[in-house]
PDB file of all heavy atoms in Angstrom:
ATOM      1  N   ASP A   1       0.853  -1.201   0.004  1.00  0.00           N
ATOM      2  CA  ASP A   1       0.009   0.014  -0.009  1.00  0.00           C
ATOM      3  C   ASP A   1       0.872   1.249   0.001  1.00  0.00           C
ATOM      4  O   ASP A   1       1.407   1.662   1.041  1.00  0.00           O
ATOM      5  CB  ASP A   1      -0.917  -0.006   1.245  1.00  0.00           C
ATOM      6  CG  ASP A   1      -1.858   1.179   1.257  1.00  0.00           C
ATOM      7  OD1 ASP A   1      -1.926   1.906   0.242  1.00  0.00           O
ATOM      8  OD2 ASP A   1      -2.538   1.370   2.272  1.00  0.00           O
ATOM      9  N   TRP A   2       1.011   1.873  -1.185  1.00  0.00           N
ATOM     10  CA  TRP A   2       1.830   3.074  -1.327  1.00  0.00           C
ATOM     11  C   TRP A   2       1.000   4.348  -1.206  1.00  0.00           C
ATOM     12  O   TRP A   2       1.538   5.446  -1.350  1.00  0.00           O
ATOM     13  CB  TRP A   2       2.576   3.085  -2.668  1.00  0.00           C
ATOM     14  CG  TRP A   2       3.746   2.150  -2.723  1.00  0.00           C
ATOM     15  CD1 TRP A   2       3.808   0.952  -3.321  1.00  0.00           C
ATOM     16  CD2 TRP A   2       5.030   2.380  -2.125  1.00  0.00           C
ATOM     17  NE1 TRP A   2       5.062   0.386  -3.181  1.00  0.00           N
ATOM     18  CE2 TRP A   2       5.818   1.259  -2.444  1.00  0.00           C
ATOM     19  CE3 TRP A   2       5.596   3.426  -1.385  1.00  0.00           C
ATOM     20  CZ2 TRP A   2       7.160   1.135  -2.016  1.00  0.00           C
ATOM     21  CZ3 TRP A   2       6.920   3.292  -0.956  1.00  0.00           C
ATOM     22  CH2 TRP A   2       7.673   2.178  -1.284  1.00  0.00           C
ATOM     23  N   ALA A   3      -0.290   4.226  -0.982  1.00  0.00           N
ATOM     24  CA  ALA A   3      -1.169   5.417  -0.939  1.00  0.00           C
ATOM     25  C   ALA A   3      -0.839   6.256   0.316  1.00  0.00           C
ATOM     26  O   ALA A   3      -0.957   5.753   1.450  1.00  0.00           O
ATOM     27  CB  ALA A   3      -2.618   4.990  -0.944  1.00  0.00           C
ATOM     28  N   ILE A   4      -0.481   7.499   0.102  1.00  0.00           N
ATOM     29  CA  ILE A   4      -0.150   8.406   1.216  1.00  0.00           C
ATOM     30  C   ILE A   4      -1.399   9.208   1.558  1.00  0.00           C
ATOM     31  O   ILE A   4      -1.917   9.938   0.734  1.00  0.00           O
ATOM     32  CB  ILE A   4       1.002   9.336   0.827  1.00  0.00           C
ATOM     33  CG1 ILE A   4       2.250   8.531   0.514  1.00  0.00           C
ATOM     34  CG2 ILE A   4       1.283  10.334   1.976  1.00  0.00           C
ATOM     35  CD1 ILE A   4       3.402   9.356  -0.019  1.00  0.00           C
ATOM     36  N   PRO A   5      -1.890   9.097   2.774  1.00  0.00           N
ATOM     37  CA  PRO A   5      -3.098   9.842   3.137  1.00  0.00           C
ATOM     38  C   PRO A   5      -2.817  11.321   3.244  1.00  0.00           C
ATOM     39  O   PRO A   5      -1.655  11.729   3.455  1.00  0.00           O
ATOM     40  CB  PRO A   5      -3.462   9.253   4.519  1.00  0.00           C
ATOM     41  CG  PRO A   5      -2.183   8.736   5.051  1.00  0.00           C
ATOM     42  CD  PRO A   5      -1.403   8.260   3.864  1.00  0.00           C
ATOM     43  N   PRO A   6      -3.812  12.169   3.078  1.00  0.00           N
ATOM     44  CA  PRO A   6      -3.598  13.625   3.218  1.00  0.00           C
ATOM     45  C   PRO A   6      -3.196  13.975   4.645  1.00  0.00           C
ATOM     46  O   PRO A   6      -3.554  13.289   5.611  1.00  0.00           O
ATOM     47  CB  PRO A   6      -4.955  14.198   2.856  1.00  0.00           C
ATOM     48  CG  PRO A   6      -5.946  13.102   3.076  1.00  0.00           C
ATOM     49  CD  PRO A   6      -5.233  11.829   2.786  1.00  0.00           C
ATOM     50  N   THR A   7      -2.455  15.062   4.770  1.00  0.00           N
ATOM     51  CA  THR A   7      -1.995  15.518   6.090  1.00  0.00           C
ATOM     52  C   THR A   7      -2.561  16.920   6.338  1.00  0.00           C
ATOM     53  O   THR A   7      -2.802  17.679   5.406  1.00  0.00           O
ATOM     54  CB  THR A   7      -0.472  15.561   6.156  1.00  0.00           C
ATOM     55  OG1 THR A   7       0.019  16.374   5.067  1.00  0.00           O
ATOM     56  CG2 THR A   7       0.119  14.177   6.039  1.00  0.00           C
ATOM     57  N   PRO A   8      -2.757  17.253   7.603  1.00  0.00           N
ATOM     58  CA  PRO A   8      -3.318  18.578   7.930  1.00  0.00           C
ATOM     59  C   PRO A   8      -2.292  19.686   7.659  1.00  0.00           C
ATOM     60  O   PRO A   8      -1.099  19.439   7.589  1.00  0.00           O
ATOM     61  CB  PRO A   8      -3.639  18.460   9.420  1.00  0.00           C
ATOM     62  CG  PRO A   8      -2.696  17.428   9.928  1.00  0.00           C
ATOM     63  CD  PRO A   8      -2.523  16.439   8.808  1.00  0.00           C
ATOM     64  N   PRO A   9      -2.762  20.920   7.531  1.00  0.00           N
ATOM     65  CA  PRO A   9      -1.834  22.040   7.322  1.00  0.00           C
ATOM     66  C   PRO A   9      -1.122  22.394   8.630  1.00  0.00           C
ATOM     67  O   PRO A   9      -1.511  21.943   9.717  1.00  0.00           O
ATOM     68  CB  PRO A   9      -2.760  23.168   6.881  1.00  0.00           C
ATOM     69  CG  PRO A   9      -4.089  22.834   7.504  1.00  0.00           C
ATOM     70  CD  PRO A   9      -4.169  21.338   7.520  1.00  0.00           C
ATOM     71  N   GLY A  10      -0.096  23.203   8.487  1.00  0.00           N
ATOM     72  CA  GLY A  10       0.582  23.739   9.674  1.00  0.00           C
ATOM     73  C   GLY A  10       1.548  22.775  10.317  1.00  0.00           C
ATOM     74  O   GLY A  10       1.994  21.790   9.722  1.00  0.00           O
ATOM     75  N   LEU A  11       1.856  23.059  11.560  1.00  0.00           N
ATOM     76  CA  LEU A  11       2.855  22.302  12.300  1.00  0.00           C
ATOM     77  C   LEU A  11       2.471  20.844  12.438  1.00  0.00           C
ATOM     78  O   LEU A  11       3.340  19.952  12.323  1.00  0.00           O
ATOM     79  CB  LEU A  11       3.050  22.931  13.694  1.00  0.00           C
ATOM     80  CG  LEU A  11       4.086  22.259  14.598  1.00  0.00           C
ATOM     81  CD1 LEU A  11       5.465  22.292  13.949  1.00  0.00           C
ATOM     82  CD2 LEU A  11       4.120  22.936  15.974  1.00  0.00           C
ATOM     83  N   ALA A  12       1.192  20.567  12.682  1.00  0.00           N
ATOM     84  CA  ALA A  12       0.751  19.167  12.848  1.00  0.00           C
ATOM     85  C   ALA A  12       1.035  18.371  11.579  1.00  0.00           C
ATOM     86  O   ALA A  12       1.466  17.215  11.634  1.00  0.00           O
ATOM     87  CB  ALA A  12      -0.729  19.123  13.175  1.00  0.00           C
ATOM     88  N   GLY A  13       0.805  18.988  10.416  1.00  0.00           N
ATOM     89  CA  GLY A  13       1.055  18.293   9.141  1.00  0.00           C
ATOM     90  C   GLY A  13       2.532  18.069   8.924  1.00  0.00           C
ATOM     91  O   GLY A  13       2.954  17.006   8.453  1.00  0.00           O
ATOM     92  N   ARG A  14       3.362  19.069   9.258  1.00  0.00           N
ATOM     93  CA  ARG A  14       4.805  18.916   9.084  1.00  0.00           C
ATOM     94  C   ARG A  14       5.346  17.803   9.977  1.00  0.00           C
ATOM     95  O   ARG A  14       6.199  17.014   9.560  1.00  0.00           O
ATOM     96  CB  ARG A  14       5.530  20.231   9.378  1.00  0.00           C
ATOM     97  CG  ARG A  14       5.325  21.276   8.294  1.00  0.00           C
ATOM     98  CD  ARG A  14       6.338  22.403   8.428  1.00  0.00           C
ATOM     99  NE  ARG A  14       6.138  23.172   9.637  1.00  0.00           N
ATOM    100  CZ  ARG A  14       5.332  24.239   9.727  1.00  0.00           C
ATOM    101  NH1 ARG A  14       4.630  24.629   8.654  1.00  0.00           N
ATOM    102  NH2 ARG A  14       5.226  24.911  10.860  1.00  0.00           N
ATOM    103  N   LEU A  15       4.866  17.729  11.214  1.00  0.00           N
ATOM    104  CA  LEU A  15       5.304  16.681  12.118  1.00  0.00           C
ATOM    105  C   LEU A  15       4.857  15.308  11.599  1.00  0.00           C
ATOM    106  O   LEU A  15       5.631  14.333  11.632  1.00  0.00           O
ATOM    107  CB  LEU A  15       4.724  16.917  13.508  1.00  0.00           C
ATOM    108  CG  LEU A  15       5.054  15.846  14.563  1.00  0.00           C
ATOM    109  CD1 LEU A  15       6.570  15.764  14.772  1.00  0.00           C
ATOM    110  CD2 LEU A  15       4.341  16.146  15.887  1.00  0.00           C
ATOM    111  N   GLU A  16       3.637  15.226  11.089  1.00  0.00           N
ATOM    112  CA  GLU A  16       3.118  13.946  10.578  1.00  0.00           C
ATOM    113  C   GLU A  16       3.947  13.497   9.368  1.00  0.00           C
ATOM    114  O   GLU A  16       4.242  12.308   9.219  1.00  0.00           O
ATOM    115  CB  GLU A  16       1.648  14.088  10.214  1.00  0.00           C
ATOM    116  CG  GLU A  16       0.964  12.761   9.941  1.00  0.00           C
ATOM    117  CD  GLU A  16      -0.546  12.901   9.810  1.00  0.00           C
ATOM    118  OE1 GLU A  16      -1.104  13.840  10.408  1.00  0.00           O
ATOM    119  OE2 GLU A  16      -1.136  12.062   9.107  1.00  0.00           O
ATOM    120  N   ARG A  17       4.308  14.450   8.499  1.00  0.00           N
ATOM    121  CA  ARG A  17       5.119  14.094   7.344  1.00  0.00           C
ATOM    122  C   ARG A  17       6.529  13.709   7.757  1.00  0.00           C
ATOM    123  O   ARG A  17       7.160  12.842   7.149  1.00  0.00           O
ATOM    124  CB  ARG A  17       5.134  15.229   6.349  1.00  0.00           C
ATOM    125  CG  ARG A  17       3.804  15.450   5.625  1.00  0.00           C
ATOM    126  CD  ARG A  17       3.916  16.467   4.510  1.00  0.00           C
ATOM    127  NE  ARG A  17       4.184  17.791   5.005  1.00  0.00           N
ATOM    128  CZ  ARG A  17       3.235  18.640   5.413  1.00  0.00           C
ATOM    129  NH1 ARG A  17       1.958  18.270   5.413  1.00  0.00           N
ATOM    130  NH2 ARG A  17       3.557  19.856   5.835  1.00  0.00           N
ATOM    131  N   PHE A  18       7.065  14.302   8.793  1.00  0.00           N
ATOM    132  CA  PHE A  18       8.385  13.959   9.273  1.00  0.00           C
ATOM    133  C   PHE A  18       8.437  12.524   9.813  1.00  0.00           C
ATOM    134  O   PHE A  18       9.372  11.764   9.564  1.00  0.00           O
ATOM    135  CB  PHE A  18       8.837  14.933  10.362  1.00  0.00           C
ATOM    136  CG  PHE A  18      10.192  14.644  10.936  1.00  0.00           C
ATOM    137  CD1 PHE A  18      11.339  14.900  10.208  1.00  0.00           C
ATOM    138  CD2 PHE A  18      10.318  14.118  12.218  1.00  0.00           C
ATOM    139  CE1 PHE A  18      12.606  14.616  10.738  1.00  0.00           C
ATOM    140  CE2 PHE A  18      11.562  13.822  12.750  1.00  0.00           C
ATOM    141  CZ  PHE A  18      12.712  14.096  12.007  1.00  0.00           C
ATOM    142  N   LEU A  19       7.384  12.120  10.510  1.00  0.00           N
ATOM    143  CA  LEU A  19       7.320  10.787  11.123  1.00  0.00           C
ATOM    144  C   LEU A  19       6.787   9.737  10.139  1.00  0.00           C
ATOM    145  O   LEU A  19       7.041   8.550  10.305  1.00  0.00           O
ATOM    146  CB  LEU A  19       6.444  10.823  12.363  1.00  0.00           C
ATOM    147  CG  LEU A  19       6.949  11.736  13.486  1.00  0.00           C
ATOM    148  CD1 LEU A  19       5.941  11.738  14.628  1.00  0.00           C
ATOM    149  CD2 LEU A  19       8.313  11.297  13.999  1.00  0.00           C
ATOM    150  N   GLY A  20       6.014  10.198   9.137  1.00  0.00           N
ATOM    151  CA  GLY A  20       5.395   9.282   8.194  1.00  0.00           C
ATOM    152  C   GLY A  20       3.886   9.344   8.292  1.00  0.00           C
ATOM    153  O   GLY A  20       3.336   8.896   9.314  1.00  0.00           O
ATOM    154  N   PRO A  21       3.197   9.884   7.286  1.00  0.00           N
ATOM    155  CA  PRO A  21       1.730   9.987   7.345  1.00  0.00           C
ATOM    156  C   PRO A  21       1.084   8.598   7.322  1.00  0.00           C
ATOM    157  O   PRO A  21       1.588   7.677   6.702  1.00  0.00           O
ATOM    158  CB  PRO A  21       1.381  10.769   6.066  1.00  0.00           C
ATOM    159  CG  PRO A  21       2.667  11.400   5.609  1.00  0.00           C
ATOM    160  CD  PRO A  21       3.750  10.495   6.059  1.00  0.00           C
ATOM    161  N   GLY A  22      -0.054   8.502   7.989  1.00  0.00           N
ATOM    162  CA  GLY A  22      -0.845   7.262   7.922  1.00  0.00           C
ATOM    163  C   GLY A  22      -0.388   6.164   8.855  1.00  0.00           C
ATOM    164  O   GLY A  22      -0.676   4.989   8.620  1.00  0.00           O
ATOM    165  N   LYS A  23       0.298   6.534   9.907  1.00  0.00           N
ATOM    166  CA  LYS A  23       0.738   5.515  10.855  1.00  0.00           C
ATOM    167  C   LYS A  23      -0.481   4.912  11.565  1.00  0.00           C
ATOM    168  O   LYS A  23      -1.377   5.617  12.013  1.00  0.00           O
ATOM    169  CB  LYS A  23       1.672   6.129  11.887  1.00  0.00           C
ATOM    170  CG  LYS A  23       2.358   5.132  12.806  1.00  0.00           C
ATOM    171  CD  LYS A  23       3.293   5.843  13.763  1.00  0.00           C
ATOM    172  CE  LYS A  23       4.376   6.600  12.990  1.00  0.00           C
ATOM    173  NZ  LYS A  23       5.277   7.297  13.916  1.00  0.00           N
ATOM    174  N   THR A  24      -0.516   3.577  11.649  1.00  0.00           N
ATOM    175  CA  THR A  24      -1.655   2.911  12.280  1.00  0.00           C
ATOM    176  C   THR A  24      -1.505   2.880  13.801  1.00  0.00           C
ATOM    177  O   THR A  24      -0.398   3.075  14.326  1.00  0.00           O
ATOM    178  CB  THR A  24      -1.781   1.471  11.771  1.00  0.00           C
ATOM    179  OG1 THR A  24      -0.632   0.728  12.179  1.00  0.00           O
ATOM    180  CG2 THR A  24      -1.881   1.435  10.246  1.00  0.00           C
ATOM    181  N   ARG A  25      -2.598   2.604  14.459  1.00  0.00           N
ATOM    182  CA  ARG A  25      -2.526   2.459  15.947  1.00  0.00           C
ATOM    183  C   ARG A  25      -1.604   1.316  16.334  1.00  0.00           C
ATOM    184  O   ARG A  25      -0.904   1.378  17.351  1.00  0.00           O
ATOM    185  CB  ARG A  25      -3.935   2.248  16.500  1.00  0.00           C
ATOM    186  CG  ARG A  25      -4.810   3.501  16.424  1.00  0.00           C
ATOM    187  CD  ARG A  25      -6.058   3.325  17.286  1.00  0.00           C
ATOM    188  NE  ARG A  25      -6.918   2.250  16.835  1.00  0.00           N
ATOM    189  CZ  ARG A  25      -7.862   2.398  15.914  1.00  0.00           C
ATOM    190  NH1 ARG A  25      -8.082   3.583  15.351  1.00  0.00           N
ATOM    191  NH2 ARG A  25      -8.616   1.357  15.551  1.00  0.00           N
ATOM    192  N   ALA A  26      -1.619   0.259  15.533  1.00  0.00           N
ATOM    193  CA  ALA A  26      -0.748  -0.889  15.841  1.00  0.00           C
ATOM    194  C   ALA A  26       0.731  -0.502  15.741  1.00  0.00           C
ATOM    195  O   ALA A  26       1.544  -0.885  16.605  1.00  0.00           O
ATOM    196  CB  ALA A  26      -1.052  -2.035  14.893  1.00  0.00           C
ATOM    197  N   GLU A  27       1.081   0.251  14.704  1.00  0.00           N
ATOM    198  CA  GLU A  27       2.457   0.709  14.574  1.00  0.00           C
ATOM    199  C   GLU A  27       2.842   1.616  15.730  1.00  0.00           C
ATOM    200  O   GLU A  27       3.943   1.505  16.307  1.00  0.00           O
ATOM    201  CB  GLU A  27       2.649   1.469  13.251  1.00  0.00           C
ATOM    202  CG  GLU A  27       2.696   0.572  12.039  1.00  0.00           C
ATOM    203  CD  GLU A  27       2.893   1.362  10.753  1.00  0.00           C
ATOM    204  OE1 GLU A  27       2.127   2.293  10.504  1.00  0.00           O
ATOM    205  OE2 GLU A  27       3.842   1.022  10.026  1.00  0.00           O
ATOM    206  N   SER A  28       1.967   2.508  16.112  1.00  0.00           N
ATOM    207  CA  SER A  28       2.233   3.398  17.230  1.00  0.00           C
ATOM    208  C   SER A  28       2.416   2.608  18.541  1.00  0.00           C
ATOM    209  O   SER A  28       3.271   2.935  19.357  1.00  0.00           O
ATOM    210  CB  SER A  28       1.091   4.418  17.396  1.00  0.00           C
ATOM    211  OG  SER A  28       1.009   5.265  16.272  1.00  0.00           O
TER     212      SER A  28
END
Protein backbone atom coordinates (compact mmCIF):
# COMPACT_ATOMS: atom_id res chain seq x y z
CA ASP A 1 0.00 0.00 0.00
CA TRP A 2 1.84 3.08 -1.32
CA ALA A 3 -1.16 5.41 -0.93
CA ILE A 4 -0.15 8.40 1.21
CA PRO A 5 -3.10 9.84 3.14
CA PRO A 6 -3.60 13.62 3.22
CA THR A 7 -2.00 15.52 6.08
CA PRO A 8 -3.31 18.58 7.93
CA PRO A 9 -1.84 22.03 7.32
CA GLY A 10 0.57 23.74 9.66
CA LEU A 11 2.86 22.31 12.30
CA ALA A 12 0.75 19.17 12.83
CA GLY A 13 1.05 18.29 9.16
CA ARG A 14 4.81 18.91 9.09
CA LEU A 15 5.30 16.67 12.11
CA GLU A 16 3.13 13.95 10.58
CA ARG A 17 5.12 14.10 7.35
CA PHE A 18 8.40 13.96 9.27
CA LEU A 19 7.33 10.79 11.10
CA GLY A 20 5.39 9.29 8.19
CA PRO A 21 1.73 9.98 7.34
CA GLY A 22 -0.84 7.26 7.91
CA LYS A 23 0.73 5.50 10.86
CA THR A 24 -1.65 2.91 12.28
CA ARG A 25 -2.53 2.46 15.94
CA ALA A 26 -0.75 -0.89 15.85
CA GLU A 27 2.46 0.72 14.57
CA SER A 28 2.23 3.40 17.24
